[in-house]
Amino acid sequence: MSTVVAAPAAGADRSGAGRSRRRGEQEQSGKLFNRLAATCVTLFALIWLVPFLWALITSLRPNDEIAANPTTPWSNNWNLDAYSYAWNSSPLGWWYVNSFVISTLTVVFTVVVSSMAAFALVNLDFRGKYIVFGLILAGLMVPVEALVLPQFLEFRALGLLGTYWAVVLPSVALPVALFVFHSFMKAIPVALIEAARLDGASWWRIYSGIAMPLSRPAISAVAILTFITSWNAFLWPLLVLTQTKSQTIPVGLSSLVGGSAIQYAETMASAVLGILPLLAVFLVLQRQIAQGVANTGIK
């Protein structure tokens, strides 16, 4: 009897040791993956941070020191003269206002139009629904440069060149924004929509009272990413905003880099002033960005 009892005990010990060894290997591989991920994140952060720090340091140095020794990060005369010159010598305040107004209008119209289109594609049955959705997603593969000429001719015919609407309207129908809303609204339980319909709620009531409140993570992600994209847009605003005071930050900053003698400190100061609003937006709303991207299923 003692021999029969001891055999299962030995087998159980071997099984427990095997599970412990596998658990240790999994923990070790998890730690290794975390270190690798942390290393990659650090490298990407440095790739972005080094140019920004270089621009910040250069903007605080006098131009004669930059011309004499442009590669050194040190200076004997740190000052803010470049920022004062950049602000006073160019309509930087107008550029800020233009960028903010255009980006805000783009966000509002993009969220409304994309969410309504996604709600219709998910919940309404009409002929050619999947063809329409496929054509919209095909817009992801069309380069923006290919649409510049027909859009320019269209807005010139409409008499909208030089206005905010020439920049806002082409950015409203974003395929990426529609895809984000479509992915999120598709996850809303069908039973919830059907219950609202049985209670007599209209499609507009369901959209505004059920779908949109439940899509707050998607709204945050689309709004923030659209704001950043619109703020950084360069090619299209350069073509349609002809007057200096109507230009946006990226277009206005490009006009400062020209001529025979480039004022490096003033140029870098303008670049730092241009990126500060986006940096503040990202630092304040980074949690909403991460939650919105995670909840909409984009990996």
C-alpha atoms as a PDB file:
ATOM      1  CA  MET A   1       0.000   0.000   0.000  1.00  0.00           C
ATOM      2  CA  SER A   2       2.814   2.428   0.807  1.00  0.00           C
ATOM      3  CA  THR A   3       4.306   1.893  -2.674  1.00  0.00           C
ATOM      4  CA  VAL A   4       0.983   2.553  -4.406  1.00  0.00           C
ATOM      5  CA  VAL A   5       0.464   5.835  -2.484  1.00  0.00           C
ATOM      6  CA  ALA A   6       4.037   7.096  -3.068  1.00  0.00           C
ATOM      7  CA  ALA A   7       3.854   6.782  -6.869  1.00  0.00           C
ATOM      8  CA  PRO A   8       1.077   9.367  -7.370  1.00  0.00           C
ATOM      9  CA  ALA A   9       2.823  11.677  -4.883  1.00  0.00           C
ATOM     10  CA  ALA A  10       6.006  11.564  -6.937  1.00  0.00           C
ATOM     11  CA  GLY A  11       4.017  12.205 -10.116  1.00  0.00           C
ATOM     12  CA  ALA A  12       2.282  15.162  -8.486  1.00  0.00           C
ATOM     13  CA  ASP A  13       5.627  16.604  -7.422  1.00  0.00           C
ATOM     14  CA  ARG A  14       6.947  16.348 -10.967  1.00  0.00           C
ATOM     15  CA  SER A  15       3.776  17.961 -12.326  1.00  0.00           C
ATOM     16  CA  GLY A  16       4.014  20.801  -9.806  1.00  0.00           C
ATOM     17  CA  ALA A  17       7.678  21.328 -10.608  1.00  0.00           C
ATOM     18  CA  GLY A  18       6.815  21.466 -14.337  1.00  0.00           C
ATOM     19  CA  ARG A  19       4.129  24.079 -13.748  1.00  0.00           C
ATOM     20  CA  SER A  20       6.483  26.135 -11.607  1.00  0.00           C
ATOM     21  CA  ARG A  21       9.172  25.956 -14.280  1.00  0.00           C
ATOM     22  CA  ARG A  22       6.727  27.008 -17.003  1.00  0.00           C
ATOM     23  CA  ARG A  23       5.462  29.827 -14.818  1.00  0.00           C
ATOM     24  CA  GLY A  24       9.021  30.999 -14.249  1.00  0.00           C
ATOM     25  CA  GLU A  25       9.752  30.893 -17.972  1.00  0.00           C
ATOM     26  CA  GLN A  26       6.605  32.915 -18.698  1.00  0.00           C
ATOM     27  CA  GLU A  27       7.530  35.528 -16.108  1.00  0.00           C
ATOM     28  CA  GLN A  28      11.047  35.751 -17.488  1.00  0.00           C
ATOM     29  CA  SER A  29       9.788  36.140 -21.061  1.00  0.00           C
ATOM     30  CA  GLY A  30       7.295  38.775 -19.855  1.00  0.00           C
ATOM     31  CA  LYS A  31      10.070  40.763 -18.187  1.00  0.00           C
ATOM     32  CA  LEU A  32      12.189  40.481 -21.321  1.00  0.00           C
ATOM     33  CA  PHE A  33       9.305  41.748 -23.480  1.00  0.00           C
ATOM     34  CA  ASN A  34       8.663  44.651 -21.095  1.00  0.00           C
ATOM     35  CA  ARG A  35      12.321  45.660 -21.247  1.00  0.00           C
ATOM     36  CA  LEU A  36      12.299  45.467 -25.041  1.00  0.00           C
ATOM     37  CA  ALA A  37       9.120  47.545 -25.228  1.00  0.00           C
ATOM     38  CA  ALA A  38      10.542  50.120 -22.810  1.00  0.00           C
ATOM     39  CA  THR A  39      13.728  50.331 -24.891  1.00  0.00           C
ATOM     40  CA  CYS A  40      11.759  50.876 -28.114  1.00  0.00           C
ATOM     41  CA  VAL A  41       9.575  53.543 -26.492  1.00  0.00           C
ATOM     42  CA  THR A  42      12.665  55.317 -25.132  1.00  0.00           C
ATOM     43  CA  LEU A  43      14.356  55.283 -28.544  1.00  0.00           C
ATOM     44  CA  PHE A  44      11.285  56.663 -30.304  1.00  0.00           C
ATOM     45  CA  ALA A  45      10.912  59.320 -27.601  1.00  0.00           C
ATOM     46  CA  LEU A  46      14.525  60.380 -28.096  1.00  0.00           C
ATOM     47  CA  ILE A  47      14.067  60.505 -31.878  1.00  0.00           C
ATOM     48  CA  TRP A  48      11.254  63.016 -31.344  1.00  0.00           C
ATOM     49  CA  LEU A  49      12.698  64.829 -28.340  1.00  0.00           C
ATOM     50  CA  VAL A  50      16.224  65.534 -29.609  1.00  0.00           C
ATOM     51  CA  PRO A  51      15.130  67.795 -32.522  1.00  0.00           C
ATOM     52  CA  PHE A  52      12.718  69.664 -30.255  1.00  0.00           C
ATOM     53  CA  LEU A  53      15.415  70.240 -27.622  1.00  0.00           C
ATOM     54  CA  TRP A  54      17.839  71.324 -30.331  1.00  0.00           C
ATOM     55  CA  ALA A  55      15.323  73.864 -31.645  1.00  0.00           C
ATOM     56  CA  LEU A  56      14.680  75.115 -28.092  1.00  0.00           C
ATOM     57  CA  ILE A  57      18.392  75.495 -27.328  1.00  0.00           C
ATOM     58  CA  THR A  58      19.095  77.206 -30.663  1.00  0.00           C
ATOM     59  CA  SER A  59      16.242  79.658 -30.125  1.00  0.00           C
ATOM     60  CA  LEU A  60      17.843  80.806 -26.868  1.00  0.00           C
ATOM     61  CA  ARG A  61      21.268  81.505 -28.409  1.00  0.00           C
ATOM     62  CA  PRO A  62      22.345  84.712 -30.189  1.00  0.00           C
ATOM     63  CA  ASN A  63      22.639  84.536 -33.972  1.00  0.00           C
ATOM     64  CA  ASP A  64      26.333  85.415 -33.991  1.00  0.00           C
ATOM     65  CA  GLU A  65      27.123  82.461 -31.730  1.00  0.00           C
ATOM     66  CA  ILE A  66      25.034  80.153 -33.912  1.00  0.00           C
ATOM     67  CA  ALA A  67      26.857  81.322 -37.038  1.00  0.00           C
ATOM     68  CA  ALA A  68      30.271  80.926 -35.365  1.00  0.00           C
ATOM     69  CA  ASN A  69      29.655  77.501 -33.846  1.00  0.00           C
ATOM     70  CA  PRO A  70      26.303  75.989 -34.889  1.00  0.00           C
ATOM     71  CA  THR A  71      26.896  72.505 -33.423  1.00  0.00           C
ATOM     72  CA  THR A  72      27.521  73.374 -29.778  1.00  0.00           C
ATOM     73  CA  PRO A  73      24.575  73.274 -27.368  1.00  0.00           C
ATOM     74  CA  TRP A  74      26.164  75.778 -24.994  1.00  0.00           C
ATOM     75  CA  SER A  75      26.050  79.554 -24.934  1.00  0.00           C
ATOM     76  CA  ASN A  76      27.503  82.373 -22.868  1.00  0.00           C
ATOM     77  CA  ASN A  77      24.538  84.653 -23.451  1.00  0.00           C
ATOM     78  CA  TRP A  78      21.176  82.922 -23.152  1.00  0.00           C
ATOM     79  CA  ASN A  79      18.262  85.251 -23.968  1.00  0.00           C
ATOM     80  CA  LEU A  80      14.672  85.419 -25.229  1.00  0.00           C
ATOM     81  CA  ASP A  81      15.303  88.013 -27.941  1.00  0.00           C
ATOM     82  CA  ALA A  82      14.442  85.558 -30.712  1.00  0.00           C
ATOM     83  CA  TYR A  83      10.957  84.980 -29.283  1.00  0.00           C
ATOM     84  CA  SER A  84      10.325  88.706 -28.979  1.00  0.00           C
ATOM     85  CA  TYR A  85      11.531  89.287 -32.543  1.00  0.00           C
ATOM     86  CA  ALA A  86       9.496  86.395 -33.974  1.00  0.00           C
ATOM     87  CA  TRP A  87       6.328  87.632 -32.278  1.00  0.00           C
ATOM     88  CA  ASN A  88       6.776  91.290 -33.254  1.00  0.00           C
ATOM     89  CA  SER A  89       8.082  90.826 -36.799  1.00  0.00           C
ATOM     90  CA  SER A  90       5.353  88.451 -38.026  1.00  0.00           C
ATOM     91  CA  PRO A  91       1.572  88.144 -37.503  1.00  0.00           C
ATOM     92  CA  LEU A  92       2.096  85.109 -35.283  1.00  0.00           C
ATOM     93  CA  GLY A  93      -0.987  85.944 -33.242  1.00  0.00           C
ATOM     94  CA  TRP A  94      -3.177  85.872 -36.347  1.00  0.00           C
ATOM     95  CA  TRP A  95      -1.630  82.574 -37.380  1.00  0.00           C
ATOM     96  CA  TYR A  96      -2.537  81.117 -33.988  1.00  0.00           C
ATOM     97  CA  VAL A  97      -6.119  82.356 -34.298  1.00  0.00           C
ATOM     98  CA  ASN A  98      -6.462  81.016 -37.843  1.00  0.00           C
ATOM     99  CA  SER A  99      -5.069  77.607 -36.919  1.00  0.00           C
ATOM    100  CA  PHE A 100      -7.293  77.370 -33.859  1.00  0.00           C
ATOM    101  CA  VAL A 101     -10.484  78.396 -35.690  1.00  0.00           C
ATOM    102  CA  ILE A 102      -9.809  76.104 -38.666  1.00  0.00           C
ATOM    103  CA  SER A 103      -8.873  73.141 -36.473  1.00  0.00           C
ATOM    104  CA  THR A 104     -11.902  73.622 -34.213  1.00  0.00           C
ATOM    105  CA  LEU A 105     -14.347  73.884 -37.129  1.00  0.00           C
ATOM    106  CA  THR A 106     -12.754  70.831 -38.742  1.00  0.00           C
ATOM    107  CA  VAL A 107     -13.162  68.824 -35.541  1.00  0.00           C
ATOM    108  CA  VAL A 108     -16.826  69.781 -35.103  1.00  0.00           C
ATOM    109  CA  PHE A 109     -17.842  69.015 -38.688  1.00  0.00           C
ATOM    110  CA  THR A 110     -15.744  65.840 -38.877  1.00  0.00           C
ATOM    111  CA  VAL A 111     -17.225  64.381 -35.690  1.00  0.00           C
ATOM    112  CA  VAL A 112     -20.804  65.203 -36.724  1.00  0.00           C
ATOM    113  CA  VAL A 113     -20.566  64.056 -40.348  1.00  0.00           C
ATOM    114  CA  SER A 114     -18.474  60.932 -39.715  1.00  0.00           C
ATOM    115  CA  SER A 115     -20.567  59.775 -36.748  1.00  0.00           C
ATOM    116  CA  MET A 116     -23.846  60.233 -38.626  1.00  0.00           C
ATOM    117  CA  ALA A 117     -22.508  58.380 -41.677  1.00  0.00           C
ATOM    118  CA  ALA A 118     -21.177  55.554 -39.504  1.00  0.00           C
ATOM    119  CA  PHE A 119     -24.488  55.294 -37.624  1.00  0.00           C
ATOM    120  CA  ALA A 120     -26.372  55.013 -40.912  1.00  0.00           C
ATOM    121  CA  LEU A 121     -24.002  52.378 -42.269  1.00  0.00           C
ATOM    122  CA  VAL A 122     -24.312  50.284 -39.116  1.00  0.00           C
ATOM    123  CA  ASN A 123     -28.018  50.523 -38.318  1.00  0.00           C
ATOM    124  CA  LEU A 124     -29.883  51.402 -41.520  1.00  0.00           C
ATOM    125  CA  ASP A 125     -30.599  48.961 -44.330  1.00  0.00           C
ATOM    126  CA  PHE A 126     -30.446  50.450 -47.808  1.00  0.00           C
ATOM    127  CA  ARG A 127     -29.371  49.250 -51.206  1.00  0.00           C
ATOM    128  CA  GLY A 128     -25.641  49.491 -51.862  1.00  0.00           C
ATOM    129  CA  LYS A 129     -24.685  50.006 -48.221  1.00  0.00           C
ATOM    130  CA  TYR A 130     -21.590  47.833 -48.392  1.00  0.00           C
ATOM    131  CA  ILE A 131     -20.568  49.367 -51.717  1.00  0.00           C
ATOM    132  CA  VAL A 132     -20.731  52.837 -50.162  1.00  0.00           C
ATOM    133  CA  PHE A 133     -18.693  51.696 -47.172  1.00  0.00           C
ATOM    134  CA  GLY A 134     -16.118  50.102 -49.455  1.00  0.00           C
ATOM    135  CA  LEU A 135     -15.802  53.268 -51.541  1.00  0.00           C
ATOM    136  CA  ILE A 136     -15.299  55.331 -48.402  1.00  0.00           C
ATOM    137  CA  LEU A 137     -12.572  53.010 -47.150  1.00  0.00           C
ATOM    138  CA  ALA A 138     -10.984  53.125 -50.609  1.00  0.00           C
ATOM    139  CA  GLY A 139     -10.373  56.782 -49.881  1.00  0.00           C
ATOM    140  CA  LEU A 140      -7.666  55.668 -47.467  1.00  0.00           C
ATOM    141  CA  MET A 141      -5.580  54.546 -50.442  1.00  0.00           C
ATOM    142  CA  VAL A 142      -5.945  57.771 -52.436  1.00  0.00           C
ATOM    143  CA  PRO A 143      -2.988  60.125 -51.816  1.00  0.00           C
ATOM    144  CA  VAL A 144      -3.885  63.649 -50.794  1.00  0.00           C
ATOM    145  CA  GLU A 145      -1.665  65.099 -53.524  1.00  0.00           C
ATOM    146  CA  ALA A 146      -3.836  63.470 -56.205  1.00  0.00           C
ATOM    147  CA  LEU A 147      -6.873  65.469 -55.028  1.00  0.00           C
ATOM    148  CA  VAL A 148      -5.180  68.865 -54.841  1.00  0.00           C
ATOM    149  CA  LEU A 149      -5.843  70.008 -58.416  1.00  0.00           C
ATOM    150  CA  PRO A 150      -9.546  68.988 -58.686  1.00  0.00           C
ATOM    151  CA  GLN A 151     -10.249  70.393 -55.219  1.00  0.00           C
ATOM    152  CA  PHE A 152      -8.516  73.656 -56.081  1.00  0.00           C
ATOM    153  CA  LEU A 153     -10.578  74.040 -59.265  1.00  0.00           C
ATOM    154  CA  GLU A 154     -13.749  73.196 -57.373  1.00  0.00           C
ATOM    155  CA  PHE A 155     -13.223  75.731 -54.597  1.00  0.00           C
ATOM    156  CA  ARG A 156     -12.112  78.380 -57.075  1.00  0.00           C
ATOM    157  CA  ALA A 157     -15.383  77.889 -58.954  1.00  0.00           C
ATOM    158  CA  LEU A 158     -17.277  78.226 -55.671  1.00  0.00           C
ATOM    159  CA  GLY A 159     -15.388  81.407 -54.778  1.00  0.00           C
ATOM    160  CA  LEU A 160     -14.127  80.018 -51.474  1.00  0.00           C
ATOM    161  CA  LEU A 161     -10.391  80.466 -52.003  1.00  0.00           C
ATOM    162  CA  GLY A 162      -8.815  82.520 -49.235  1.00  0.00           C
ATOM    163  CA  THR A 163     -11.522  81.591 -46.700  1.00  0.00           C
ATOM    164  CA  TYR A 164     -11.597  79.203 -43.758  1.00  0.00           C
ATOM    165  CA  TRP A 165     -14.122  76.981 -45.538  1.00  0.00           C
ATOM    166  CA  ALA A 166     -11.622  76.167 -48.281  1.00  0.00           C
ATOM    167  CA  VAL A 167      -9.491  74.455 -45.626  1.00  0.00           C
ATOM    168  CA  VAL A 168     -12.257  73.049 -43.427  1.00  0.00           C
ATOM    169  CA  LEU A 169     -14.593  71.399 -45.942  1.00  0.00           C
ATOM    170  CA  PRO A 170     -12.077  69.050 -47.654  1.00  0.00           C
ATOM    171  CA  SER A 171     -11.082  67.685 -44.232  1.00  0.00           C
ATOM    172  CA  VAL A 172     -14.623  66.901 -43.066  1.00  0.00           C
ATOM    173  CA  ALA A 173     -15.142  63.559 -44.816  1.00  0.00           C
ATOM    174  CA  LEU A 174     -12.202  61.677 -43.340  1.00  0.00           C
ATOM    175  CA  PRO A 175     -12.309  57.922 -44.072  1.00  0.00           C
ATOM    176  CA  VAL A 176     -10.277  57.221 -40.933  1.00  0.00           C
ATOM    177  CA  ALA A 177     -12.776  59.050 -38.725  1.00  0.00           C
ATOM    178  CA  LEU A 178     -15.695  57.199 -40.288  1.00  0.00           C
ATOM    179  CA  PHE A 179     -13.902  53.877 -39.828  1.00  0.00           C
ATOM    180  CA  VAL A 180     -13.310  54.628 -36.137  1.00  0.00           C
ATOM    181  CA  PHE A 181     -16.963  55.507 -35.530  1.00  0.00           C
ATOM    182  CA  HIS A 182     -18.128  52.527 -37.583  1.00  0.00           C
ATOM    183  CA  SER A 183     -15.978  50.115 -35.559  1.00  0.00           C
ATOM    184  CA  PHE A 184     -17.246  51.522 -32.271  1.00  0.00           C
ATOM    185  CA  MET A 185     -20.944  51.781 -33.155  1.00  0.00           C
ATOM    186  CA  LYS A 186     -20.891  48.263 -34.546  1.00  0.00           C
ATOM    187  CA  ALA A 187     -20.030  47.062 -31.026  1.00  0.00           C
ATOM    188  CA  ILE A 188     -23.140  48.666 -29.517  1.00  0.00           C
ATOM    189  CA  PRO A 189     -25.604  45.844 -28.649  1.00  0.00           C
ATOM    190  CA  VAL A 190     -28.305  45.416 -31.257  1.00  0.00           C
ATOM    191  CA  ALA A 191     -30.821  44.631 -28.491  1.00  0.00           C
ATOM    192  CA  LEU A 192     -30.348  48.161 -27.136  1.00  0.00           C
ATOM    193  CA  ILE A 193     -31.169  49.719 -30.509  1.00  0.00           C
ATOM    194  CA  GLU A 194     -34.155  47.404 -31.031  1.00  0.00           C
ATOM    195  CA  ALA A 195     -35.514  48.171 -27.565  1.00  0.00           C
ATOM    196  CA  ALA A 196     -35.355  51.886 -28.306  1.00  0.00           C
ATOM    197  CA  ARG A 197     -37.145  51.351 -31.612  1.00  0.00           C
ATOM    198  CA  LEU A 198     -39.893  49.334 -29.869  1.00  0.00           C
ATOM    199  CA  ASP A 199     -40.346  52.225 -27.435  1.00  0.00           C
ATOM    200  CA  GLY A 200     -41.046  54.497 -30.389  1.00  0.00           C
ATOM    201  CA  ALA A 201     -37.728  56.337 -30.525  1.00  0.00           C
ATOM    202  CA  SER A 202     -36.785  57.805 -33.873  1.00  0.00           C
ATOM    203  CA  TRP A 203     -33.433  57.162 -35.516  1.00  0.00           C
ATOM    204  CA  TRP A 204     -32.358  60.709 -34.665  1.00  0.00           C
ATOM    205  CA  ARG A 205     -33.268  60.136 -30.997  1.00  0.00           C
ATOM    206  CA  ILE A 206     -31.308  56.868 -30.968  1.00  0.00           C
ATOM    207  CA  TYR A 207     -28.311  58.557 -32.595  1.00  0.00           C
ATOM    208  CA  SER A 208     -28.247  61.554 -30.261  1.00  0.00           C
ATOM    209  CA  GLY A 209     -29.427  59.849 -27.059  1.00  0.00           C
ATOM    210  CA  ILE A 210     -27.841  56.402 -27.250  1.00  0.00           C
ATOM    211  CA  ALA A 211     -25.159  56.036 -29.908  1.00  0.00           C
ATOM    212  CA  MET A 212     -23.276  59.292 -29.325  1.00  0.00           C
ATOM    213  CA  PRO A 213     -23.138  59.093 -25.493  1.00  0.00           C
ATOM    214  CA  LEU A 214     -21.841  55.529 -25.763  1.00  0.00           C
ATOM    215  CA  SER A 215     -19.284  56.649 -28.375  1.00  0.00           C
ATOM    216  CA  ARG A 216     -17.477  59.161 -26.175  1.00  0.00           C
ATOM    217  CA  PRO A 217     -14.116  57.352 -26.433  1.00  0.00           C
ATOM    218  CA  ALA A 218     -14.398  57.394 -30.220  1.00  0.00           C
ATOM    219  CA  ILE A 219     -15.397  61.060 -30.184  1.00  0.00           C
ATOM    220  CA  SER A 220     -12.356  61.901 -28.068  1.00  0.00           C
ATOM    221  CA  ALA A 221      -9.966  59.975 -30.299  1.00  0.00           C
ATOM    222  CA  VAL A 222     -11.350  61.402 -33.552  1.00  0.00           C
ATOM    223  CA  ALA A 223     -11.523  64.948 -32.187  1.00  0.00           C
ATOM    224  CA  ILE A 224      -7.966  64.988 -30.854  1.00  0.00           C
ATOM    225  CA  LEU A 225      -6.370  63.308 -33.863  1.00  0.00           C
ATOM    226  CA  THR A 226      -8.350  65.501 -36.275  1.00  0.00           C
ATOM    227  CA  PHE A 227      -7.300  68.626 -34.394  1.00  0.00           C
ATOM    228  CA  ILE A 228      -3.633  67.637 -34.569  1.00  0.00           C
ATOM    229  CA  THR A 229      -3.862  66.707 -38.260  1.00  0.00           C
ATOM    230  CA  SER A 230      -5.633  69.941 -39.151  1.00  0.00           C
ATOM    231  CA  TRP A 231      -3.188  72.032 -37.124  1.00  0.00           C
ATOM    232  CA  ASN A 232      -0.194  70.443 -38.901  1.00  0.00           C
ATOM    233  CA  ALA A 233      -1.675  70.596 -42.436  1.00  0.00           C
ATOM    234  CA  PHE A 234       0.620  72.431 -44.817  1.00  0.00           C
ATOM    235  CA  LEU A 235       0.134  71.751 -48.551  1.00  0.00           C
ATOM    236  CA  TRP A 236      -3.565  72.566 -48.937  1.00  0.00           C
ATOM    237  CA  PRO A 237      -3.579  75.681 -46.677  1.00  0.00           C
ATOM    238  CA  LEU A 238      -0.498  76.903 -48.559  1.00  0.00           C
ATOM    239  CA  LEU A 239      -2.432  76.790 -51.843  1.00  0.00           C
ATOM    240  CA  VAL A 240      -5.767  78.266 -50.764  1.00  0.00           C
ATOM    241  CA  LEU A 241      -4.782  80.800 -48.078  1.00  0.00           C
ATOM    242  CA  THR A 242      -3.057  83.537 -50.036  1.00  0.00           C
ATOM    243  CA  GLN A 243      -3.099  86.483 -47.638  1.00  0.00           C
ATOM    244  CA  THR A 244      -0.438  86.585 -44.937  1.00  0.00           C
ATOM    245  CA  LYS A 245      -2.836  87.236 -42.058  1.00  0.00           C
ATOM    246  CA  SER A 246      -5.124  84.387 -43.118  1.00  0.00           C
ATOM    247  CA  GLN A 247      -2.354  81.775 -43.056  1.00  0.00           C
ATOM    248  CA  THR A 248      -1.987  79.028 -40.472  1.00  0.00           C
ATOM    249  CA  ILE A 249       0.988  78.309 -38.236  1.00  0.00           C
ATOM    250  CA  PRO A 250       2.791  75.784 -40.532  1.00  0.00           C
ATOM    251  CA  VAL A 251       2.337  77.981 -43.617  1.00  0.00           C
ATOM    252  CA  GLY A 252       3.356  81.135 -41.791  1.00  0.00           C
ATOM    253  CA  LEU A 253       6.460  79.522 -40.343  1.00  0.00           C
ATOM    254  CA  SER A 254       7.556  78.383 -43.789  1.00  0.00           C
ATOM    255  CA  SER A 255       7.538  82.002 -44.952  1.00  0.00           C
ATOM    256  CA  LEU A 256      10.084  82.881 -42.274  1.00  0.00           C
ATOM    257  CA  VAL A 257      12.651  80.532 -43.818  1.00  0.00           C
ATOM    258  CA  GLY A 258      13.772  82.327 -46.941  1.00  0.00           C
ATOM    259  CA  GLY A 259      16.019  84.983 -48.306  1.00  0.00           C
ATOM    260  CA  SER A 260      19.771  85.095 -48.358  1.00  0.00           C
ATOM    261  CA  ALA A 261      20.302  85.419 -44.609  1.00  0.00           C
ATOM    262  CA  ILE A 262      18.337  83.056 -42.380  1.00  0.00           C
ATOM    263  CA  GLN A 263      17.881  84.138 -38.776  1.00  0.00           C
ATOM    264  CA  TYR A 264      18.244  80.727 -37.176  1.00  0.00           C
ATOM    265  CA  ALA A 265      17.348  81.784 -33.636  1.00  0.00           C
ATOM    266  CA  GLU A 266      14.133  83.522 -34.760  1.00  0.00           C
ATOM    267  CA  THR A 267      13.210  80.591 -37.015  1.00  0.00           C
ATOM    268  CA  MET A 268      13.691  78.082 -34.212  1.00  0.00           C
ATOM    269  CA  ALA A 269      11.771  80.306 -31.810  1.00  0.00           C
ATOM    270  CA  SER A 270       8.845  80.413 -34.237  1.00  0.00           C
ATOM    271  CA  ALA A 271       8.959  76.628 -34.594  1.00  0.00           C
ATOM    272  CA  VAL A 272       8.884  76.193 -30.807  1.00  0.00           C
ATOM    273  CA  LEU A 273       5.962  78.612 -30.515  1.00  0.00           C
ATOM    274  CA  GLY A 274       4.141  76.684 -33.227  1.00  0.00           C
ATOM    275  CA  ILE A 275       4.500  73.297 -31.564  1.00  0.00           C
ATOM    276  CA  LEU A 276       3.684  74.379 -27.994  1.00  0.00           C
ATOM    277  CA  PRO A 277      -0.148  74.256 -28.417  1.00  0.00           C
ATOM    278  CA  LEU A 278      -0.027  70.727 -29.806  1.00  0.00           C
ATOM    279  CA  LEU A 279       2.332  69.653 -27.051  1.00  0.00           C
ATOM    280  CA  ALA A 280      -0.048  71.052 -24.443  1.00  0.00           C
ATOM    281  CA  VAL A 281      -3.026  69.296 -26.059  1.00  0.00           C
ATOM    282  CA  PHE A 282      -1.236  65.970 -26.100  1.00  0.00           C
ATOM    283  CA  LEU A 283       0.035  66.224 -22.516  1.00  0.00           C
ATOM    284  CA  VAL A 284      -3.407  67.148 -21.197  1.00  0.00           C
ATOM    285  CA  LEU A 285      -5.432  64.658 -23.265  1.00  0.00           C
ATOM    286  CA  GLN A 286      -3.019  61.758 -23.710  1.00  0.00           C
ATOM    287  CA  ARG A 287      -5.203  59.448 -21.590  1.00  0.00           C
ATOM    288  CA  GLN A 288      -8.250  60.165 -23.760  1.00  0.00           C
ATOM    289  CA  ILE A 289      -6.189  59.461 -26.881  1.00  0.00           C
ATOM    290  CA  ALA A 290      -5.025  56.093 -25.567  1.00  0.00           C
ATOM    291  CA  GLN A 291      -8.493  55.083 -24.332  1.00  0.00           C
ATOM    292  CA  GLY A 292     -10.178  56.137 -27.542  1.00  0.00           C
ATOM    293  CA  VAL A 293      -7.758  54.214 -29.756  1.00  0.00           C
ATOM    294  CA  ALA A 294      -7.952  51.118 -27.532  1.00  0.00           C
ATOM    295  CA  ASN A 295     -11.748  51.094 -27.313  1.00  0.00           C
ATOM    296  CA  THR A 296     -12.296  51.540 -31.032  1.00  0.00           C
ATOM    297  CA  GLY A 297     -10.335  48.404 -31.829  1.00  0.00           C
ATOM    298  CA  ILE A 298      -7.438  50.043 -33.697  1.00  0.00           C
ATOM    299  CA  LYS A 299      -4.232  48.168 -32.979  1.00  0.00           C
END
